[in-house]
Amino acid sequence: MEKCTERALKRDGHKTLVIDDKRANRVIGRKLTQKWALSQSRRFKADFVILGKCHGLDIDTVRTIIEGKPNCMWYHDPQWYKSTYRPDIAHIIAVGKLTQTFFVSGFEAEWRALGLPAKFLPSAADRDIKPVPSRKAFHSDVSFIGTGYDAARAQFLLKVAKKYDLKVWGKGWEEWRKPLNWSGRSVQGKEFAAVCSSSNISLGINPDRAKGASTYTSDRTWMVILAGGFYLGQGTPGLTEMLRDGDHCAWYKDVESCLDRIAYYLEKPQQRERIRREGQVFVRGHHTFDQRIHNLLSGEAFVNPLA
């Protein structure tokens, strides 16, 4: 996320510095990381500070870095709002309370209830993501890209796999290796695009932890569409107002409607191709990191271009 945001800022004419506190903490230890981060920030003299998760930084370090400077934070895992007992989430909350604006890609009301200055800002995709020529090694009727940490999502995919040619990409699916036709590895960059461009349907499934979401979706939604995927996703009330069914993607409500939609669109290759193209154009014009820069720097909440 940080690298994508930085590239977008540079394209917009800004000079940037990324402080990789996570890596520094791993390499030189936490105590030296604080000194290094403070030294870097003093030398750079930023006009604006955009915060990540800051897990490698102490709260006092964050406070010093942003003191007297316009700032914001952009958090992309909002479904964890219930897990305040976890040290990593407690740290996110503590950092977020220091910021002028806590942008979050969903569940903004729940984060505001925790005392954070939360505003909705959807996740995004890097504009350099593009479709690639279809490759047989990456083809399937239905593909899913994601990690296997959610048993409920695995059960959903098992029902899809019983009826259709499914292939799953990502880490953590060992338990369901055979029935899900698991690739055994993750895909990034051109291989990610190859999966999306080569599959007839690219499936999106919210994790069980995101139950009750309205506008939330992960960055993978936007990435899949930019990478040439025909995206079939879980149509939550707010999300269906951000991408139009039949124009930019297709939506389902539950596993049964998902199976029905797969059957329908597998028989409609021309419709799939039209939706792929229109989805790419729309996402490239409205849902890349380049379009999010204005919100981050101004503090303004997201305005849905389809509203």
C-alpha atoms as a PDB file:
ATOM      1  CA  MET A   1       0.000   0.000   0.000  1.00  0.00           C
ATOM      2  CA  GLU A   2       2.753   2.428   0.967  1.00  0.00           C
ATOM      3  CA  LYS A   3       4.646   1.931  -2.301  1.00  0.00           C
ATOM      4  CA  CYS A   4       1.490   2.364  -4.389  1.00  0.00           C
ATOM      5  CA  THR A   5       0.594   5.538  -2.504  1.00  0.00           C
ATOM      6  CA  GLU A   6       4.129   6.849  -2.926  1.00  0.00           C
ATOM      7  CA  ARG A   7       4.105   6.241  -6.684  1.00  0.00           C
ATOM      8  CA  ALA A   8       0.802   8.081  -6.997  1.00  0.00           C
ATOM      9  CA  LEU A   9       2.135  11.012  -4.956  1.00  0.00           C
ATOM     10  CA  LYS A  10       5.232  11.232  -7.143  1.00  0.00           C
ATOM     11  CA  ARG A  11       3.109  11.210 -10.287  1.00  0.00           C
ATOM     12  CA  ASP A  12       1.210  14.110  -8.745  1.00  0.00           C
ATOM     13  CA  GLY A  13       4.458  16.044  -8.393  1.00  0.00           C
ATOM     14  CA  HIS A  14       5.219  15.491  -4.706  1.00  0.00           C
ATOM     15  CA  LYS A  15       8.596  14.704  -3.157  1.00  0.00           C
ATOM     16  CA  THR A  16       8.255  11.719  -0.831  1.00  0.00           C
ATOM     17  CA  LEU A  17       9.996   9.741   1.888  1.00  0.00           C
ATOM     18  CA  VAL A  18       8.811   6.299   3.005  1.00  0.00           C
ATOM     19  CA  ILE A  19       9.894   5.250   6.499  1.00  0.00           C
ATOM     20  CA  ASP A  20       9.742   1.446   6.593  1.00  0.00           C
ATOM     21  CA  ASP A  21       9.452   1.044  10.354  1.00  0.00           C
ATOM     22  CA  LYS A  22       8.481  -2.621  10.100  1.00  0.00           C
ATOM     23  CA  ARG A  23      11.673  -3.565   8.277  1.00  0.00           C
ATOM     24  CA  ALA A  24      13.828  -1.325  10.464  1.00  0.00           C
ATOM     25  CA  ASN A  25      12.360  -2.893  13.591  1.00  0.00           C
ATOM     26  CA  ARG A  26      13.282  -6.319  12.259  1.00  0.00           C
ATOM     27  CA  VAL A  27      16.820  -5.343  11.207  1.00  0.00           C
ATOM     28  CA  ILE A  28      18.043  -2.942  13.907  1.00  0.00           C
ATOM     29  CA  GLY A  29      15.574  -3.494  16.742  1.00  0.00           C
ATOM     30  CA  ARG A  30      12.805  -1.362  18.171  1.00  0.00           C
ATOM     31  CA  LYS A  31      14.908   1.077  20.194  1.00  0.00           C
ATOM     32  CA  LEU A  32      17.152   2.062  17.281  1.00  0.00           C
ATOM     33  CA  THR A  33      14.135   2.182  14.963  1.00  0.00           C
ATOM     34  CA  GLN A  34      12.684   5.054  17.013  1.00  0.00           C
ATOM     35  CA  LYS A  35      15.900   7.063  16.723  1.00  0.00           C
ATOM     36  CA  TRP A  36      16.256   6.301  13.028  1.00  0.00           C
ATOM     37  CA  ALA A  37      12.639   7.221  12.209  1.00  0.00           C
ATOM     38  CA  LEU A  38      12.872  10.496  14.130  1.00  0.00           C
ATOM     39  CA  SER A  39      16.157  11.355  12.414  1.00  0.00           C
ATOM     40  CA  GLN A  40      14.705  10.617   8.976  1.00  0.00           C
ATOM     41  CA  SER A  41      11.625  12.738   9.617  1.00  0.00           C
ATOM     42  CA  ARG A  42      13.676  15.690  10.930  1.00  0.00           C
ATOM     43  CA  ARG A  43      15.927  15.657   7.864  1.00  0.00           C
ATOM     44  CA  PHE A  44      13.079  15.369   5.385  1.00  0.00           C
ATOM     45  CA  LYS A  45      10.926  18.109   6.935  1.00  0.00           C
ATOM     46  CA  ALA A  46       7.645  16.874   5.515  1.00  0.00           C
ATOM     47  CA  ASP A  47       4.763  19.246   4.822  1.00  0.00           C
ATOM     48  CA  PHE A  48       2.283  16.380   5.263  1.00  0.00           C
ATOM     49  CA  VAL A  49       2.478  12.979   6.954  1.00  0.00           C
ATOM     50  CA  ILE A  50       0.518   9.903   5.838  1.00  0.00           C
ATOM     51  CA  LEU A  51       0.645   7.149   8.440  1.00  0.00           C
ATOM     52  CA  GLY A  52       0.494   3.411   7.889  1.00  0.00           C
ATOM     53  CA  LYS A  53       0.004   0.872  10.671  1.00  0.00           C
ATOM     54  CA  CYS A  54       3.185   2.081  12.434  1.00  0.00           C
ATOM     55  CA  HIS A  55       3.644  -1.249  14.224  1.00  0.00           C
ATOM     56  CA  GLY A  56       7.382  -0.615  14.461  1.00  0.00           C
ATOM     57  CA  LEU A  57       6.938   2.793  16.079  1.00  0.00           C
ATOM     58  CA  ASP A  58       6.149   3.749  19.650  1.00  0.00           C
ATOM     59  CA  ILE A  59       3.203   6.091  20.176  1.00  0.00           C
ATOM     60  CA  ASP A  60       5.512   8.869  21.388  1.00  0.00           C
ATOM     61  CA  THR A  61       7.566   8.521  18.199  1.00  0.00           C
ATOM     62  CA  VAL A  62       4.459   8.854  16.034  1.00  0.00           C
ATOM     63  CA  ARG A  63       3.305  11.851  18.064  1.00  0.00           C
ATOM     64  CA  THR A  64       6.658  13.588  17.562  1.00  0.00           C
ATOM     65  CA  ILE A  65       6.744  12.882  13.810  1.00  0.00           C
ATOM     66  CA  ILE A  66       3.295  14.364  13.146  1.00  0.00           C
ATOM     67  CA  GLU A  67       3.478  17.212  15.672  1.00  0.00           C
ATOM     68  CA  GLY A  68       2.525  20.497  14.024  1.00  0.00           C
ATOM     69  CA  LYS A  69       2.036  18.868  10.600  1.00  0.00           C
ATOM     70  CA  PRO A  70      -1.136  18.123   8.634  1.00  0.00           C
ATOM     71  CA  ASN A  71      -1.582  14.362   8.652  1.00  0.00           C
ATOM     72  CA  CYS A  72      -3.830  11.381   8.096  1.00  0.00           C
ATOM     73  CA  MET A  73      -3.865   7.614   8.353  1.00  0.00           C
ATOM     74  CA  TRP A  74      -5.314   5.151   5.839  1.00  0.00           C
ATOM     75  CA  TYR A  75      -6.219   1.735   7.252  1.00  0.00           C
ATOM     76  CA  HIS A  76      -7.172  -1.105   4.911  1.00  0.00           C
ATOM     77  CA  ASP A  77      -8.225  -3.843   7.349  1.00  0.00           C
ATOM     78  CA  PRO A  78     -11.328  -2.287   8.928  1.00  0.00           C
ATOM     79  CA  GLN A  79     -13.031  -5.623   9.599  1.00  0.00           C
ATOM     80  CA  TRP A  80     -10.867  -5.982  12.737  1.00  0.00           C
ATOM     81  CA  TYR A  81     -12.699  -3.246  14.629  1.00  0.00           C
ATOM     82  CA  LYS A  82     -14.104  -5.783  17.120  1.00  0.00           C
ATOM     83  CA  SER A  83     -10.663  -7.100  18.089  1.00  0.00           C
ATOM     84  CA  THR A  84      -9.541  -4.268  20.343  1.00  0.00           C
ATOM     85  CA  TYR A  85      -8.123  -6.848  22.776  1.00  0.00           C
ATOM     86  CA  ARG A  86      -5.367  -7.663  20.274  1.00  0.00           C
ATOM     87  CA  PRO A  87      -2.163  -5.651  20.799  1.00  0.00           C
ATOM     88  CA  ASP A  88      -1.780  -4.897  17.087  1.00  0.00           C
ATOM     89  CA  ILE A  89      -5.330  -3.527  16.822  1.00  0.00           C
ATOM     90  CA  ALA A  90      -4.959  -1.599  20.080  1.00  0.00           C
ATOM     91  CA  HIS A  91      -1.856   0.001  18.558  1.00  0.00           C
ATOM     92  CA  ILE A  92      -3.802   0.947  15.410  1.00  0.00           C
ATOM     93  CA  ILE A  93      -6.432   2.623  17.584  1.00  0.00           C
ATOM     94  CA  ALA A  94      -3.834   4.508  19.619  1.00  0.00           C
ATOM     95  CA  VAL A  95      -2.102   5.779  16.476  1.00  0.00           C
ATOM     96  CA  GLY A  96      -5.418   6.596  14.795  1.00  0.00           C
ATOM     97  CA  LYS A  97      -6.513   8.749  17.720  1.00  0.00           C
ATOM     98  CA  LEU A  98      -3.464  10.972  17.143  1.00  0.00           C
ATOM     99  CA  THR A  99      -4.380  11.702  13.537  1.00  0.00           C
ATOM    100  CA  GLN A 100      -6.420  14.524  12.071  1.00  0.00           C
ATOM    101  CA  THR A 101      -8.213  12.073   9.776  1.00  0.00           C
ATOM    102  CA  PHE A 102      -8.411   8.296  10.111  1.00  0.00           C
ATOM    103  CA  PHE A 103      -9.363   7.057   6.649  1.00  0.00           C
ATOM    104  CA  VAL A 104     -10.710   3.530   6.651  1.00  0.00           C
ATOM    105  CA  SER A 105     -11.938   1.315   3.814  1.00  0.00           C
ATOM    106  CA  GLY A 106     -15.184   0.322   5.517  1.00  0.00           C
ATOM    107  CA  PHE A 107     -16.920   0.105   8.906  1.00  0.00           C
ATOM    108  CA  GLU A 108     -16.234   3.811   9.471  1.00  0.00           C
ATOM    109  CA  ALA A 109     -19.135   4.193  11.938  1.00  0.00           C
ATOM    110  CA  GLU A 110     -17.735   1.380  14.070  1.00  0.00           C
ATOM    111  CA  TRP A 111     -14.301   3.012  14.131  1.00  0.00           C
ATOM    112  CA  ARG A 112     -15.812   6.375  15.029  1.00  0.00           C
ATOM    113  CA  ALA A 113     -17.537   4.658  17.954  1.00  0.00           C
ATOM    114  CA  LEU A 114     -14.058   3.701  19.180  1.00  0.00           C
ATOM    115  CA  GLY A 115     -13.133   7.373  19.337  1.00  0.00           C
ATOM    116  CA  LEU A 116     -11.282   7.743  16.041  1.00  0.00           C
ATOM    117  CA  PRO A 117     -11.832  10.564  13.493  1.00  0.00           C
ATOM    118  CA  ALA A 118     -12.885   8.007  10.880  1.00  0.00           C
ATOM    119  CA  LYS A 119     -13.935   8.739   7.302  1.00  0.00           C
ATOM    120  CA  PHE A 120     -14.628   6.290   4.505  1.00  0.00           C
ATOM    121  CA  LEU A 121     -12.029   5.977   1.760  1.00  0.00           C
ATOM    122  CA  PRO A 122     -12.131   2.807  -0.343  1.00  0.00           C
ATOM    123  CA  SER A 123      -9.028   0.807  -1.004  1.00  0.00           C
ATOM    124  CA  ALA A 124      -7.586   1.158  -4.491  1.00  0.00           C
ATOM    125  CA  ALA A 125      -5.392  -0.440  -7.157  1.00  0.00           C
ATOM    126  CA  ASP A 126      -2.134   0.667  -8.717  1.00  0.00           C
ATOM    127  CA  ARG A 127      -2.873   2.184 -12.101  1.00  0.00           C
ATOM    128  CA  ASP A 128       0.043   0.257 -13.661  1.00  0.00           C
ATOM    129  CA  ILE A 129      -1.879  -3.029 -13.292  1.00  0.00           C
ATOM    130  CA  LYS A 130      -2.951  -4.146 -16.768  1.00  0.00           C
ATOM    131  CA  PRO A 131      -4.394  -7.239 -18.459  1.00  0.00           C
ATOM    132  CA  VAL A 132      -1.951  -9.676 -20.049  1.00  0.00           C
ATOM    133  CA  PRO A 133      -2.469 -12.285 -22.779  1.00  0.00           C
ATOM    134  CA  SER A 134      -4.369 -15.352 -21.614  1.00  0.00           C
ATOM    135  CA  ARG A 135      -2.172 -18.318 -20.657  1.00  0.00           C
ATOM    136  CA  LYS A 136      -3.310 -21.936 -20.502  1.00  0.00           C
ATOM    137  CA  ALA A 137      -1.377 -22.602 -17.283  1.00  0.00           C
ATOM    138  CA  PHE A 138      -3.485 -20.006 -15.480  1.00  0.00           C
ATOM    139  CA  HIS A 139      -6.854 -20.830 -17.028  1.00  0.00           C
ATOM    140  CA  SER A 140      -9.922 -22.059 -15.163  1.00  0.00           C
ATOM    141  CA  ASP A 141     -13.632 -21.386 -15.417  1.00  0.00           C
ATOM    142  CA  VAL A 142     -13.536 -19.828 -11.944  1.00  0.00           C
ATOM    143  CA  SER A 143     -10.518 -18.532 -10.037  1.00  0.00           C
ATOM    144  CA  PHE A 144     -10.072 -17.215  -6.530  1.00  0.00           C
ATOM    145  CA  ILE A 145      -6.999 -15.341  -5.282  1.00  0.00           C
ATOM    146  CA  GLY A 146      -6.582 -14.969  -1.528  1.00  0.00           C
ATOM    147  CA  THR A 147      -5.250 -16.518   1.662  1.00  0.00           C
ATOM    148  CA  GLY A 148      -6.820 -19.533   3.352  1.00  0.00           C
ATOM    149  CA  TYR A 149      -7.190 -18.167   6.874  1.00  0.00           C
ATOM    150  CA  ASP A 150     -11.003 -18.199   6.828  1.00  0.00           C
ATOM    151  CA  ALA A 151     -12.715 -21.605   7.112  1.00  0.00           C
ATOM    152  CA  ALA A 152     -16.086 -20.125   6.114  1.00  0.00           C
ATOM    153  CA  ARG A 153     -14.605 -18.878   2.858  1.00  0.00           C
ATOM    154  CA  ALA A 154     -13.138 -22.331   2.254  1.00  0.00           C
ATOM    155  CA  GLN A 155     -16.579 -23.909   2.715  1.00  0.00           C
ATOM    156  CA  PHE A 156     -18.006 -21.468   0.185  1.00  0.00           C
ATOM    157  CA  LEU A 157     -15.314 -22.379  -2.335  1.00  0.00           C
ATOM    158  CA  LEU A 158     -15.855 -26.102  -1.772  1.00  0.00           C
ATOM    159  CA  LYS A 159     -19.457 -25.694  -2.925  1.00  0.00           C
ATOM    160  CA  VAL A 160     -18.272 -23.866  -6.037  1.00  0.00           C
ATOM    161  CA  ALA A 161     -15.652 -26.550  -6.725  1.00  0.00           C
ATOM    162  CA  LYS A 162     -18.283 -29.312  -6.675  1.00  0.00           C
ATOM    163  CA  LYS A 163     -20.007 -27.800  -9.713  1.00  0.00           C
ATOM    164  CA  TYR A 164     -17.374 -25.870 -11.634  1.00  0.00           C
ATOM    165  CA  ASP A 165     -13.756 -25.878 -12.744  1.00  0.00           C
ATOM    166  CA  LEU A 166     -12.220 -23.867  -9.880  1.00  0.00           C
ATOM    167  CA  LYS A 167      -8.600 -23.012  -9.194  1.00  0.00           C
ATOM    168  CA  VAL A 168      -7.452 -21.298  -5.990  1.00  0.00           C
ATOM    169  CA  TRP A 169      -4.305 -19.191  -5.671  1.00  0.00           C
ATOM    170  CA  GLY A 170      -2.698 -17.940  -2.470  1.00  0.00           C
ATOM    171  CA  LYS A 171      -1.149 -19.243   0.717  1.00  0.00           C
ATOM    172  CA  GLY A 172      -2.730 -21.284   3.486  1.00  0.00           C
ATOM    173  CA  TRP A 173      -5.059 -23.694   1.654  1.00  0.00           C
ATOM    174  CA  GLU A 174      -3.231 -26.914   2.568  1.00  0.00           C
ATOM    175  CA  GLU A 175      -6.257 -28.403   4.329  1.00  0.00           C
ATOM    176  CA  TRP A 176      -8.339 -28.156   1.155  1.00  0.00           C
ATOM    177  CA  ARG A 177      -5.570 -28.714  -1.390  1.00  0.00           C
ATOM    178  CA  LYS A 178      -7.259 -31.356  -3.574  1.00  0.00           C
ATOM    179  CA  PRO A 179     -10.937 -30.337  -3.606  1.00  0.00           C
ATOM    180  CA  LEU A 180     -10.074 -26.689  -4.291  1.00  0.00           C
ATOM    181  CA  ASN A 181      -7.468 -27.488  -6.950  1.00  0.00           C
ATOM    182  CA  TRP A 182      -5.083 -25.307  -4.982  1.00  0.00           C
ATOM    183  CA  SER A 183      -2.086 -24.036  -6.913  1.00  0.00           C
ATOM    184  CA  GLY A 184       0.098 -24.236  -3.816  1.00  0.00           C
ATOM    185  CA  ARG A 185       1.388 -20.691  -4.135  1.00  0.00           C
ATOM    186  CA  SER A 186       0.495 -17.038  -4.317  1.00  0.00           C
ATOM    187  CA  VAL A 187       0.626 -14.886  -7.442  1.00  0.00           C
ATOM    188  CA  GLN A 188       1.782 -11.308  -7.824  1.00  0.00           C
ATOM    189  CA  GLY A 189       2.496  -8.843 -10.596  1.00  0.00           C
ATOM    190  CA  LYS A 190       2.174 -10.292 -14.084  1.00  0.00           C
ATOM    191  CA  GLU A 191       1.182 -13.704 -12.726  1.00  0.00           C
ATOM    192  CA  PHE A 192      -1.675 -12.110 -10.781  1.00  0.00           C
ATOM    193  CA  ALA A 193      -2.777 -10.447 -14.022  1.00  0.00           C
ATOM    194  CA  ALA A 194      -2.386 -13.749 -15.878  1.00  0.00           C
ATOM    195  CA  VAL A 195      -4.787 -15.500 -13.493  1.00  0.00           C
ATOM    196  CA  CYS A 196      -7.352 -12.712 -13.888  1.00  0.00           C
ATOM    197  CA  SER A 197      -6.949 -12.419 -17.661  1.00  0.00           C
ATOM    198  CA  SER A 198      -6.998 -16.191 -18.221  1.00  0.00           C
ATOM    199  CA  SER A 199      -9.947 -17.141 -15.981  1.00  0.00           C
ATOM    200  CA  ASN A 200     -13.492 -16.926 -17.275  1.00  0.00           C
ATOM    201  CA  ILE A 201     -14.680 -15.650 -13.881  1.00  0.00           C
ATOM    202  CA  SER A 202     -12.667 -14.152 -11.006  1.00  0.00           C
ATOM    203  CA  LEU A 203     -14.486 -14.723  -7.736  1.00  0.00           C
ATOM    204  CA  GLY A 204     -14.520 -12.383  -4.736  1.00  0.00           C
ATOM    205  CA  ILE A 205     -15.608 -13.571  -1.267  1.00  0.00           C
ATOM    206  CA  ASN A 206     -15.617 -11.416   1.850  1.00  0.00           C
ATOM    207  CA  PRO A 207     -14.054 -13.065   4.916  1.00  0.00           C
ATOM    208  CA  ASP A 208     -16.450 -14.083   7.665  1.00  0.00           C
ATOM    209  CA  ARG A 209     -15.001 -11.334   9.855  1.00  0.00           C
ATOM    210  CA  ALA A 210     -16.375  -8.752   7.401  1.00  0.00           C
ATOM    211  CA  LYS A 211     -19.974  -9.952   7.868  1.00  0.00           C
ATOM    212  CA  GLY A 212     -22.367  -7.014   7.965  1.00  0.00           C
ATOM    213  CA  ALA A 213     -20.181  -4.865   5.729  1.00  0.00           C
ATOM    214  CA  SER A 214     -21.752  -2.270   3.480  1.00  0.00           C
ATOM    215  CA  THR A 215     -19.111  -0.428   1.457  1.00  0.00           C
ATOM    216  CA  TYR A 216     -16.102  -2.527   2.491  1.00  0.00           C
ATOM    217  CA  THR A 217     -14.087  -4.431  -0.051  1.00  0.00           C
ATOM    218  CA  SER A 218     -10.396  -5.206  -0.218  1.00  0.00           C
ATOM    219  CA  ASP A 219      -7.980  -3.789  -2.762  1.00  0.00           C
ATOM    220  CA  ARG A 220      -8.191  -7.122  -4.587  1.00  0.00           C
ATOM    221  CA  THR A 221     -11.558  -6.141  -6.082  1.00  0.00           C
ATOM    222  CA  TRP A 222     -10.045  -3.185  -7.908  1.00  0.00           C
ATOM    223  CA  MET A 223      -6.874  -5.098  -8.759  1.00  0.00           C
ATOM    224  CA  VAL A 224      -8.752  -8.010 -10.335  1.00  0.00           C
ATOM    225  CA  ILE A 225     -10.802  -5.724 -12.558  1.00  0.00           C
ATOM    226  CA  LEU A 226      -7.754  -3.723 -13.689  1.00  0.00           C
ATOM    227  CA  ALA A 227      -5.899  -6.978 -14.380  1.00  0.00           C
ATOM    228  CA  GLY A 228      -8.524  -8.082 -16.890  1.00  0.00           C
ATOM    229  CA  GLY A 229     -10.734 -10.154 -14.647  1.00  0.00           C
ATOM    230  CA  PHE A 230     -14.461 -10.591 -15.013  1.00  0.00           C
ATOM    231  CA  TYR A 231     -15.242  -9.971 -11.354  1.00  0.00           C
ATOM    232  CA  LEU A 232     -18.086 -11.777  -9.594  1.00  0.00           C
ATOM    233  CA  GLY A 233     -18.244 -10.502  -6.032  1.00  0.00           C
ATOM    234  CA  GLN A 234     -20.352 -10.435  -2.899  1.00  0.00           C
ATOM    235  CA  GLY A 235     -22.892  -7.663  -3.415  1.00  0.00           C
ATOM    236  CA  THR A 236     -23.203  -5.799  -0.133  1.00  0.00           C
ATOM    237  CA  PRO A 237     -25.654  -2.839  -0.044  1.00  0.00           C
ATOM    238  CA  GLY A 238     -23.068  -0.056  -0.334  1.00  0.00           C
ATOM    239  CA  LEU A 239     -20.697  -1.835  -2.675  1.00  0.00           C
ATOM    240  CA  THR A 240     -23.360  -2.447  -5.312  1.00  0.00           C
ATOM    241  CA  GLU A 241     -23.702   1.336  -5.527  1.00  0.00           C
ATOM    242  CA  MET A 242     -19.994   1.713  -6.275  1.00  0.00           C
ATOM    243  CA  LEU A 243     -19.798  -0.820  -9.115  1.00  0.00           C
ATOM    244  CA  ARG A 244     -22.799  -1.453 -11.364  1.00  0.00           C
ATOM    245  CA  ASP A 245     -23.945  -5.016 -11.851  1.00  0.00           C
ATOM    246  CA  GLY A 246     -23.830  -5.944 -15.531  1.00  0.00           C
ATOM    247  CA  ASP A 247     -21.683  -2.939 -16.429  1.00  0.00           C
ATOM    248  CA  HIS A 248     -18.521  -3.102 -14.307  1.00  0.00           C
ATOM    249  CA  CYS A 249     -18.822  -6.535 -12.670  1.00  0.00           C
ATOM    250  CA  ALA A 250     -21.446  -8.995 -11.436  1.00  0.00           C
ATOM    251  CA  TRP A 251     -22.796  -9.464  -7.911  1.00  0.00           C
ATOM    252  CA  TYR A 252     -24.173 -12.371  -5.896  1.00  0.00           C
ATOM    253  CA  LYS A 253     -25.943 -12.447  -2.512  1.00  0.00           C
ATOM    254  CA  ASP A 254     -25.171 -15.929  -1.186  1.00  0.00           C
ATOM    255  CA  VAL A 255     -23.611 -19.188  -2.314  1.00  0.00           C
ATOM    256  CA  GLU A 256     -26.716 -20.323  -4.222  1.00  0.00           C
ATOM    257  CA  SER A 257     -26.994 -17.088  -6.174  1.00  0.00           C
ATOM    258  CA  CYS A 258     -23.234 -17.253  -6.767  1.00  0.00           C
ATOM    259  CA  LEU A 259     -23.594 -20.685  -8.355  1.00  0.00           C
ATOM    260  CA  ASP A 260     -26.459 -19.410 -10.490  1.00  0.00           C
ATOM    261  CA  ARG A 261     -24.461 -16.376 -11.635  1.00  0.00           C
ATOM    262  CA  ILE A 262     -21.490 -18.552 -12.532  1.00  0.00           C
ATOM    263  CA  ALA A 263     -23.720 -20.795 -14.645  1.00  0.00           C
ATOM    264  CA  TYR A 264     -25.285 -17.791 -16.363  1.00  0.00           C
ATOM    265  CA  TYR A 265     -22.065 -15.995 -17.231  1.00  0.00           C
ATOM    266  CA  LEU A 266     -20.154 -19.080 -18.348  1.00  0.00           C
ATOM    267  CA  GLU A 267     -22.729 -19.286 -21.143  1.00  0.00           C
ATOM    268  CA  LYS A 268     -22.344 -15.581 -22.008  1.00  0.00           C
ATOM    269  CA  PRO A 269     -18.729 -14.988 -23.134  1.00  0.00           C
ATOM    270  CA  GLN A 270     -19.593 -11.821 -25.064  1.00  0.00           C
ATOM    271  CA  GLN A 271     -21.260 -10.274 -22.019  1.00  0.00           C
ATOM    272  CA  ARG A 272     -18.259 -11.195 -19.906  1.00  0.00           C
ATOM    273  CA  GLU A 273     -15.874  -9.499 -22.306  1.00  0.00           C
ATOM    274  CA  ARG A 274     -17.959  -6.329 -22.453  1.00  0.00           C
ATOM    275  CA  ILE A 275     -18.150  -6.154 -18.668  1.00  0.00           C
ATOM    276  CA  ARG A 276     -14.401  -6.799 -18.386  1.00  0.00           C
ATOM    277  CA  ARG A 277     -13.669  -3.853 -20.674  1.00  0.00           C
ATOM    278  CA  GLU A 278     -16.154  -1.457 -19.103  1.00  0.00           C
ATOM    279  CA  GLY A 279     -15.021  -2.411 -15.615  1.00  0.00           C
ATOM    280  CA  GLN A 280     -11.389  -1.717 -16.458  1.00  0.00           C
ATOM    281  CA  VAL A 281     -12.171   1.712 -17.865  1.00  0.00           C
ATOM    282  CA  PHE A 282     -14.297   2.665 -14.855  1.00  0.00           C
ATOM    283  CA  VAL A 283     -11.857   1.451 -12.201  1.00  0.00           C
ATOM    284  CA  ARG A 284      -8.897   3.066 -13.958  1.00  0.00           C
ATOM    285  CA  GLY A 285     -10.775   6.341 -14.008  1.00  0.00           C
ATOM    286  CA  HIS A 286     -12.071   6.316 -10.425  1.00  0.00           C
ATOM    287  CA  HIS A 287     -10.476   3.691  -8.175  1.00  0.00           C
ATOM    288  CA  THR A 288      -6.689   3.824  -8.416  1.00  0.00           C
ATOM    289  CA  PHE A 289      -4.320   5.304  -5.854  1.00  0.00           C
ATOM    290  CA  ASP A 290      -4.020   8.355  -8.097  1.00  0.00           C
ATOM    291  CA  GLN A 291      -7.655   9.247  -7.417  1.00  0.00           C
ATOM    292  CA  ARG A 292      -7.211   8.787  -3.649  1.00  0.00           C
ATOM    293  CA  ILE A 293      -4.403  11.364  -3.292  1.00  0.00           C
ATOM    294  CA  HIS A 294      -6.850  14.279  -3.172  1.00  0.00           C
ATOM    295  CA  ASN A 295      -8.729  12.743  -0.238  1.00  0.00           C
ATOM    296  CA  LEU A 296      -5.581  11.893   1.689  1.00  0.00           C
ATOM    297  CA  LEU A 297      -4.146  15.392   1.397  1.00  0.00           C
ATOM    298  CA  SER A 298      -7.387  17.346   1.805  1.00  0.00           C
ATOM    299  CA  GLY A 299      -9.034  15.237   4.504  1.00  0.00           C
ATOM    300  CA  GLU A 300     -12.223  15.069   2.451  1.00  0.00           C
ATOM    301  CA  ALA A 301     -14.345  11.936   2.565  1.00  0.00           C
ATOM    302  CA  PHE A 302     -14.825   9.842  -0.561  1.00  0.00           C
ATOM    303  CA  VAL A 303     -17.567  10.860  -2.984  1.00  0.00           C
ATOM    304  CA  ASN A 304     -19.014   7.991  -5.010  1.00  0.00           C
ATOM    305  CA  PRO A 305     -18.740   8.889  -8.728  1.00  0.00           C
ATOM    306  CA  LEU A 306     -21.936   6.908  -9.368  1.00  0.00           C
ATOM    307  CA  ALA A 307     -23.953   8.775  -6.733  1.00  0.00           C
END
